[in-house]
Amino acid sequence: QQTGEAISRLLTPAELGEFDQQRGLNGNTF
């Protein structure tokens, strides 16, 4: 939880976009 939040804040919009297909499934974001 803590590392995922910390690293996610450092990702560029393009890098964050790579997660779009799976983000939020089962409450997971990273």
PDB file of all heavy atoms in Angstrom:
ATOM      1  N   GLN A   1       0.836  -1.200   0.000  1.00  0.00           N
ATOM      2  CA  GLN A   1       0.000   0.000   0.000  1.00  0.00           C
ATOM      3  C   GLN A   1       0.873   1.254   0.000  1.00  0.00           C
ATOM      4  O   GLN A   1       0.694   2.148  -0.826  1.00  0.00           O
ATOM      5  CB  GLN A   1      -0.924   0.017   1.215  1.00  0.00           C
ATOM      6  CG  GLN A   1      -1.780   1.267   1.285  1.00  0.00           C
ATOM      7  CD  GLN A   1      -2.610   1.342   2.557  1.00  0.00           C
ATOM      8  OE1 GLN A   1      -2.463   0.537   3.473  1.00  0.00           O
ATOM      9  NE2 GLN A   1      -3.486   2.318   2.620  1.00  0.00           N
ATOM     10  N   GLN A   2       1.824   1.304   0.917  1.00  0.00           N
ATOM     11  CA  GLN A   2       2.662   2.498   1.062  1.00  0.00           C
ATOM     12  C   GLN A   2       3.597   2.696  -0.132  1.00  0.00           C
ATOM     13  O   GLN A   2       3.725   3.812  -0.641  1.00  0.00           O
ATOM     14  CB  GLN A   2       3.481   2.417   2.356  1.00  0.00           C
ATOM     15  CG  GLN A   2       2.647   2.390   3.610  1.00  0.00           C
ATOM     16  CD  GLN A   2       1.892   3.681   3.814  1.00  0.00           C
ATOM     17  OE1 GLN A   2       2.451   4.762   3.716  1.00  0.00           O
ATOM     18  NE2 GLN A   2       0.600   3.581   4.073  1.00  0.00           N
ATOM     19  N   THR A   3       4.267   1.639  -0.580  1.00  0.00           N
ATOM     20  CA  THR A   3       5.199   1.796  -1.703  1.00  0.00           C
ATOM     21  C   THR A   3       4.446   2.065  -2.997  1.00  0.00           C
ATOM     22  O   THR A   3       4.901   2.858  -3.825  1.00  0.00           O
ATOM     23  CB  THR A   3       6.121   0.575  -1.853  1.00  0.00           C
ATOM     24  OG1 THR A   3       5.330  -0.600  -2.077  1.00  0.00           O
ATOM     25  CG2 THR A   3       7.014   0.395  -0.637  1.00  0.00           C
ATOM     26  N   GLY A   4       3.302   1.426  -3.176  1.00  0.00           N
ATOM     27  CA  GLY A   4       2.504   1.667  -4.379  1.00  0.00           C
ATOM     28  C   GLY A   4       2.071   3.118  -4.485  1.00  0.00           C
ATOM     29  O   GLY A   4       2.149   3.739  -5.555  1.00  0.00           O
ATOM     30  N   GLU A   5       1.612   3.679  -3.371  1.00  0.00           N
ATOM     31  CA  GLU A   5       1.205   5.090  -3.365  1.00  0.00           C
ATOM     32  C   GLU A   5       2.399   6.004  -3.643  1.00  0.00           C
ATOM     33  O   GLU A   5       2.302   6.952  -4.417  1.00  0.00           O
ATOM     34  CB  GLU A   5       0.567   5.451  -2.022  1.00  0.00           C
ATOM     35  CG  GLU A   5      -0.806   4.838  -1.823  1.00  0.00           C
ATOM     36  CD  GLU A   5      -1.349   5.030  -0.408  1.00  0.00           C
ATOM     37  OE1 GLU A   5      -0.700   5.692   0.421  1.00  0.00           O
ATOM     38  OE2 GLU A   5      -2.454   4.508  -0.147  1.00  0.00           O
ATOM     39  N   ALA A   6       3.527   5.706  -3.008  1.00  0.00           N
ATOM     40  CA  ALA A   6       4.715   6.552  -3.168  1.00  0.00           C
ATOM     41  C   ALA A   6       5.230   6.520  -4.611  1.00  0.00           C
ATOM     42  O   ALA A   6       5.533   7.573  -5.190  1.00  0.00           O
ATOM     43  CB  ALA A   6       5.814   6.105  -2.205  1.00  0.00           C
ATOM     44  N   ILE A   7       5.326   5.360  -5.195  1.00  0.00           N
ATOM     45  CA  ILE A   7       5.846   5.249  -6.556  1.00  0.00           C
ATOM     46  C   ILE A   7       4.842   5.804  -7.563  1.00  0.00           C
ATOM     47  O   ILE A   7       5.226   6.482  -8.528  1.00  0.00           O
ATOM     48  CB  ILE A   7       6.224   3.795  -6.889  1.00  0.00           C
ATOM     49  CG1 ILE A   7       7.327   3.275  -5.943  1.00  0.00           C
ATOM     50  CG2 ILE A   7       6.671   3.663  -8.353  1.00  0.00           C
ATOM     51  CD1 ILE A   7       8.620   4.054  -5.949  1.00  0.00           C
ATOM     52  N   SER A   8       3.566   5.559  -7.359  1.00  0.00           N
ATOM     53  CA  SER A   8       2.542   6.056  -8.292  1.00  0.00           C
ATOM     54  C   SER A   8       2.602   7.573  -8.437  1.00  0.00           C
ATOM     55  O   SER A   8       2.372   8.112  -9.527  1.00  0.00           O
ATOM     56  CB  SER A   8       1.147   5.634  -7.841  1.00  0.00           C
ATOM     57  OG  SER A   8       0.997   4.239  -7.991  1.00  0.00           O
ATOM     58  N   ARG A   9       2.918   8.268  -7.354  1.00  0.00           N
ATOM     59  CA  ARG A   9       3.016   9.739  -7.404  1.00  0.00           C
ATOM     60  C   ARG A   9       4.157  10.210  -8.308  1.00  0.00           C
ATOM     61  O   ARG A   9       4.157  11.347  -8.766  1.00  0.00           O
ATOM     62  CB  ARG A   9       3.201  10.308  -5.999  1.00  0.00           C
ATOM     63  CG  ARG A   9       1.953  10.294  -5.156  1.00  0.00           C
ATOM     64  CD  ARG A   9       2.115  11.119  -3.885  1.00  0.00           C
ATOM     65  NE  ARG A   9       3.070  10.558  -2.960  1.00  0.00           N
ATOM     66  CZ  ARG A   9       2.769   9.707  -1.970  1.00  0.00           C
ATOM     67  NH1 ARG A   9       1.509   9.334  -1.782  1.00  0.00           N
ATOM     68  NH2 ARG A   9       3.695   9.246  -1.178  1.00  0.00           N
ATOM     69  N   LEU A  10       5.133   9.337  -8.552  1.00  0.00           N
ATOM     70  CA  LEU A  10       6.304   9.705  -9.349  1.00  0.00           C
ATOM     71  C   LEU A  10       6.170   9.340 -10.825  1.00  0.00           C
ATOM     72  O   LEU A  10       7.018   9.702 -11.635  1.00  0.00           O
ATOM     73  CB  LEU A  10       7.550   9.014  -8.774  1.00  0.00           C
ATOM     74  CG  LEU A  10       7.871   9.304  -7.315  1.00  0.00           C
ATOM     75  CD1 LEU A  10       9.037   8.455  -6.839  1.00  0.00           C
ATOM     76  CD2 LEU A  10       8.146  10.789  -7.111  1.00  0.00           C
ATOM     77  N   LEU A  11       5.118   8.616 -11.176  1.00  0.00           N
ATOM     78  CA  LEU A  11       4.934   8.180 -12.557  1.00  0.00           C
ATOM     79  C   LEU A  11       4.414   9.313 -13.434  1.00  0.00           C
ATOM     80  O   LEU A  11       3.626  10.139 -12.985  1.00  0.00           O
ATOM     81  CB  LEU A  11       3.953   7.008 -12.614  1.00  0.00           C
ATOM     82  CG  LEU A  11       4.390   5.718 -11.904  1.00  0.00           C
ATOM     83  CD1 LEU A  11       3.254   4.706 -11.912  1.00  0.00           C
ATOM     84  CD2 LEU A  11       5.642   5.128 -12.539  1.00  0.00           C
ATOM     85  N   THR A  12       4.857   9.329 -14.666  1.00  0.00           N
ATOM     86  CA  THR A  12       4.352  10.301 -15.638  1.00  0.00           C
ATOM     87  C   THR A  12       2.946   9.879 -16.063  1.00  0.00           C
ATOM     88  O   THR A  12       2.558   8.717 -15.864  1.00  0.00           O
ATOM     89  CB  THR A  12       5.258  10.345 -16.882  1.00  0.00           C
ATOM     90  OG1 THR A  12       5.165   9.089 -17.552  1.00  0.00           O
ATOM     91  CG2 THR A  12       6.708  10.662 -16.521  1.00  0.00           C
ATOM     92  N   PRO A  13       2.178  10.774 -16.658  1.00  0.00           N
ATOM     93  CA  PRO A  13       0.855  10.377 -17.165  1.00  0.00           C
ATOM     94  C   PRO A  13       0.929   9.193 -18.142  1.00  0.00           C
ATOM     95  O   PRO A  13       0.078   8.305 -18.101  1.00  0.00           O
ATOM     96  CB  PRO A  13       0.339  11.645 -17.849  1.00  0.00           C
ATOM     97  CG  PRO A  13       0.997  12.759 -17.089  1.00  0.00           C
ATOM     98  CD  PRO A  13       2.372  12.236 -16.767  1.00  0.00           C
ATOM     99  N   ALA A  14       1.935   9.165 -18.988  1.00  0.00           N
ATOM    100  CA  ALA A  14       2.086   8.043 -19.926  1.00  0.00           C
ATOM    101  C   ALA A  14       2.358   6.742 -19.176  1.00  0.00           C
ATOM    102  O   ALA A  14       1.811   5.687 -19.518  1.00  0.00           O
ATOM    103  CB  ALA A  14       3.204   8.328 -20.920  1.00  0.00           C
ATOM    104  N   GLU A  15       3.205   6.807 -18.146  1.00  0.00           N
ATOM    105  CA  GLU A  15       3.498   5.605 -17.347  1.00  0.00           C
ATOM    106  C   GLU A  15       2.251   5.152 -16.599  1.00  0.00           C
ATOM    107  O   GLU A  15       1.959   3.957 -16.541  1.00  0.00           O
ATOM    108  CB  GLU A  15       4.652   5.878 -16.373  1.00  0.00           C
ATOM    109  CG  GLU A  15       5.994   6.026 -17.062  1.00  0.00           C
ATOM    110  CD  GLU A  15       7.077   6.608 -16.171  1.00  0.00           C
ATOM    111  OE1 GLU A  15       6.761   7.341 -15.211  1.00  0.00           O
ATOM    112  OE2 GLU A  15       8.249   6.332 -16.449  1.00  0.00           O
ATOM    113  N   LEU A  16       1.505   6.087 -16.045  1.00  0.00           N
ATOM    114  CA  LEU A  16       0.256   5.746 -15.362  1.00  0.00           C
ATOM    115  C   LEU A  16      -0.738   5.093 -16.324  1.00  0.00           C
ATOM    116  O   LEU A  16      -1.480   4.186 -15.947  1.00  0.00           O
ATOM    117  CB  LEU A  16      -0.379   6.984 -14.727  1.00  0.00           C
ATOM    118  CG  LEU A  16       0.217   7.453 -13.415  1.00  0.00           C
ATOM    119  CD1 LEU A  16      -0.332   8.822 -13.040  1.00  0.00           C
ATOM    120  CD2 LEU A  16      -0.028   6.447 -12.314  1.00  0.00           C
ATOM    121  N   GLY A  17      -0.738   5.559 -17.569  1.00  0.00           N
ATOM    122  CA  GLY A  17      -1.638   5.007 -18.565  1.00  0.00           C
ATOM    123  C   GLY A  17      -1.419   3.537 -18.832  1.00  0.00           C
ATOM    124  O   GLY A  17      -2.341   2.826 -19.246  1.00  0.00           O
ATOM    125  N   GLU A  18      -0.208   3.045 -18.582  1.00  0.00           N
ATOM    126  CA  GLU A  18       0.085   1.622 -18.789  1.00  0.00           C
ATOM    127  C   GLU A  18      -0.698   0.741 -17.815  1.00  0.00           C
ATOM    128  O   GLU A  18      -0.850  -0.451 -18.044  1.00  0.00           O
ATOM    129  CB  GLU A  18       1.585   1.365 -18.654  1.00  0.00           C
ATOM    130  CG  GLU A  18       2.402   2.017 -19.751  1.00  0.00           C
ATOM    131  CD  GLU A  18       3.878   1.733 -19.601  1.00  0.00           C
ATOM    132  OE1 GLU A  18       4.240   0.550 -19.451  1.00  0.00           O
ATOM    133  OE2 GLU A  18       4.667   2.698 -19.623  1.00  0.00           O
ATOM    134  N   PHE A  19      -1.177   1.329 -16.747  1.00  0.00           N
ATOM    135  CA  PHE A  19      -1.927   0.585 -15.737  1.00  0.00           C
ATOM    136  C   PHE A  19      -3.435   0.579 -15.999  1.00  0.00           C
ATOM    137  O   PHE A  19      -4.172  -0.109 -15.308  1.00  0.00           O
ATOM    138  CB  PHE A  19      -1.701   1.202 -14.341  1.00  0.00           C
ATOM    139  CG  PHE A  19      -0.339   0.963 -13.780  1.00  0.00           C
ATOM    140  CD1 PHE A  19       0.718   1.797 -14.095  1.00  0.00           C
ATOM    141  CD2 PHE A  19      -0.110  -0.095 -12.918  1.00  0.00           C
ATOM    142  CE1 PHE A  19       1.980   1.581 -13.567  1.00  0.00           C
ATOM    143  CE2 PHE A  19       1.145  -0.317 -12.383  1.00  0.00           C
ATOM    144  CZ  PHE A  19       2.192   0.517 -12.714  1.00  0.00           C
ATOM    145  N   ASP A  20      -3.888   1.355 -16.959  1.00  0.00           N
ATOM    146  CA  ASP A  20      -5.319   1.576 -17.136  1.00  0.00           C
ATOM    147  C   ASP A  20      -6.157   0.313 -17.263  1.00  0.00           C
ATOM    148  O   ASP A  20      -7.271   0.255 -16.750  1.00  0.00           O
ATOM    149  CB  ASP A  20      -5.580   2.491 -18.333  1.00  0.00           C
ATOM    150  CG  ASP A  20      -5.244   3.942 -18.028  1.00  0.00           C
ATOM    151  OD1 ASP A  20      -5.065   4.257 -16.827  1.00  0.00           O
ATOM    152  OD2 ASP A  20      -5.149   4.739 -18.974  1.00  0.00           O
ATOM    153  N   GLN A  21      -5.643  -0.688 -17.939  1.00  0.00           N
ATOM    154  CA  GLN A  21      -6.437  -1.896 -18.151  1.00  0.00           C
ATOM    155  C   GLN A  21      -6.757  -2.613 -16.839  1.00  0.00           C
ATOM    156  O   GLN A  21      -7.826  -3.186 -16.674  1.00  0.00           O
ATOM    157  CB  GLN A  21      -5.721  -2.844 -19.104  1.00  0.00           C
ATOM    158  CG  GLN A  21      -6.550  -4.056 -19.465  1.00  0.00           C
ATOM    159  CD  GLN A  21      -5.859  -4.921 -20.501  1.00  0.00           C
ATOM    160  OE1 GLN A  21      -4.767  -4.640 -20.948  1.00  0.00           O
ATOM    161  NE2 GLN A  21      -6.512  -5.996 -20.874  1.00  0.00           N
ATOM    162  N   GLN A  22      -5.840  -2.585 -15.890  1.00  0.00           N
ATOM    163  CA  GLN A  22      -5.991  -3.355 -14.658  1.00  0.00           C
ATOM    164  C   GLN A  22      -6.304  -2.512 -13.428  1.00  0.00           C
ATOM    165  O   GLN A  22      -6.725  -3.041 -12.412  1.00  0.00           O
ATOM    166  CB  GLN A  22      -4.716  -4.152 -14.376  1.00  0.00           C
ATOM    167  CG  GLN A  22      -4.437  -5.231 -15.390  1.00  0.00           C
ATOM    168  CD  GLN A  22      -5.438  -6.346 -15.290  1.00  0.00           C
ATOM    169  OE1 GLN A  22      -5.780  -6.789 -14.206  1.00  0.00           O
ATOM    170  NE2 GLN A  22      -5.941  -6.797 -16.415  1.00  0.00           N
ATOM    171  N   ARG A  23      -6.078  -1.210 -13.505  1.00  0.00           N
ATOM    172  CA  ARG A  23      -6.208  -0.358 -12.330  1.00  0.00           C
ATOM    173  C   ARG A  23      -7.591  -0.460 -11.689  1.00  0.00           C
ATOM    174  O   ARG A  23      -8.603  -0.413 -12.362  1.00  0.00           O
ATOM    175  CB  ARG A  23      -5.937   1.091 -12.680  1.00  0.00           C
ATOM    176  CG  ARG A  23      -5.854   1.975 -11.445  1.00  0.00           C
ATOM    177  CD  ARG A  23      -5.604   3.366 -11.829  1.00  0.00           C
ATOM    178  NE  ARG A  23      -4.800   3.334 -13.034  1.00  0.00           N
ATOM    179  CZ  ARG A  23      -3.905   4.241 -13.344  1.00  0.00           C
ATOM    180  NH1 ARG A  23      -3.716   5.249 -12.587  1.00  0.00           N
ATOM    181  NH2 ARG A  23      -3.213   4.154 -14.450  1.00  0.00           N
ATOM    182  N   GLY A  24      -7.589  -0.614 -10.395  1.00  0.00           N
ATOM    183  CA  GLY A  24      -8.842  -0.628  -9.655  1.00  0.00           C
ATOM    184  C   GLY A  24      -9.465  -1.997  -9.489  1.00  0.00           C
ATOM    185  O   GLY A  24     -10.322  -2.177  -8.638  1.00  0.00           O
ATOM    186  N   LEU A  25      -9.059  -2.986 -10.270  1.00  0.00           N
ATOM    187  CA  LEU A  25      -9.598  -4.329 -10.079  1.00  0.00           C
ATOM    188  C   LEU A  25      -9.138  -4.834  -8.716  1.00  0.00           C
ATOM    189  O   LEU A  25      -7.970  -4.722  -8.364  1.00  0.00           O
ATOM    190  CB  LEU A  25      -9.107  -5.275 -11.181  1.00  0.00           C
ATOM    191  CG  LEU A  25      -9.582  -4.955 -12.597  1.00  0.00           C
ATOM    192  CD1 LEU A  25      -8.961  -5.940 -13.585  1.00  0.00           C
ATOM    193  CD2 LEU A  25     -11.088  -4.995 -12.685  1.00  0.00           C
ATOM    194  N   ASN A  26     -10.034  -5.367  -7.938  1.00  0.00           N
ATOM    195  CA  ASN A  26      -9.718  -5.841  -6.586  1.00  0.00           C
ATOM    196  C   ASN A  26      -9.143  -4.726  -5.709  1.00  0.00           C
ATOM    197  O   ASN A  26      -8.435  -4.992  -4.753  1.00  0.00           O
ATOM    198  CB  ASN A  26      -8.735  -7.021  -6.618  1.00  0.00           C
ATOM    199  CG  ASN A  26      -9.306  -8.194  -7.352  1.00  0.00           C
ATOM    200  OD1 ASN A  26     -10.491  -8.493  -7.232  1.00  0.00           O
ATOM    201  ND2 ASN A  26      -8.489  -8.853  -8.145  1.00  0.00           N
ATOM    202  N   GLY A  27      -9.371  -3.481  -6.069  1.00  0.00           N
ATOM    203  CA  GLY A  27      -8.878  -2.366  -5.262  1.00  0.00           C
ATOM    204  C   GLY A  27      -7.408  -2.064  -5.468  1.00  0.00           C
ATOM    205  O   GLY A  27      -6.838  -1.265  -4.744  1.00  0.00           O
ATOM    206  N   ASN A  28      -6.771  -2.676  -6.451  1.00  0.00           N
ATOM    207  CA  ASN A  28      -5.337  -2.491  -6.664  1.00  0.00           C
ATOM    208  C   ASN A  28      -5.077  -1.392  -7.687  1.00  0.00           C
ATOM    209  O   ASN A  28      -5.804  -1.257  -8.666  1.00  0.00           O
ATOM    210  CB  ASN A  28      -4.697  -3.790  -7.128  1.00  0.00           C
ATOM    211  CG  ASN A  28      -4.836  -4.873  -6.087  1.00  0.00           C
ATOM    212  OD1 ASN A  28      -4.640  -4.615  -4.912  1.00  0.00           O
ATOM    213  ND2 ASN A  28      -5.204  -6.059  -6.502  1.00  0.00           N
ATOM    214  N   THR A  29      -4.030  -0.636  -7.446  1.00  0.00           N
ATOM    215  CA  THR A  29      -3.676   0.425  -8.370  1.00  0.00           C
ATOM    216  C   THR A  29      -2.229   0.349  -8.837  1.00  0.00           C
ATOM    217  O   THR A  29      -1.877   0.956  -9.832  1.00  0.00           O
ATOM    218  CB  THR A  29      -3.907   1.805  -7.725  1.00  0.00           C
ATOM    219  OG1 THR A  29      -3.133   1.892  -6.524  1.00  0.00           O
ATOM    220  CG2 THR A  29      -5.373   2.039  -7.413  1.00  0.00           C
ATOM    221  N   PHE A  30      -1.356  -0.358  -8.149  1.00  0.00           N
ATOM    222  CA  PHE A  30       0.051  -0.448  -8.536  1.00  0.00           C
ATOM    223  C   PHE A  30       0.566  -1.894  -8.514  1.00  0.00           C
ATOM    224  O   PHE A  30       1.106  -2.373  -9.487  1.00  0.00           O
ATOM    225  CB  PHE A  30       0.929   0.432  -7.631  1.00  0.00           C
ATOM    226  CG  PHE A  30       2.359   0.483  -8.093  1.00  0.00           C
ATOM    227  CD1 PHE A  30       2.723   1.352  -9.108  1.00  0.00           C
ATOM    228  CD2 PHE A  30       3.319  -0.330  -7.532  1.00  0.00           C
ATOM    229  CE1 PHE A  30       4.039   1.391  -9.564  1.00  0.00           C
ATOM    230  CE2 PHE A  30       4.633  -0.297  -7.967  1.00  0.00           C
ATOM    231  CZ  PHE A  30       4.998   0.566  -8.993  1.00  0.00           C
TER     232      PHE A  30
END
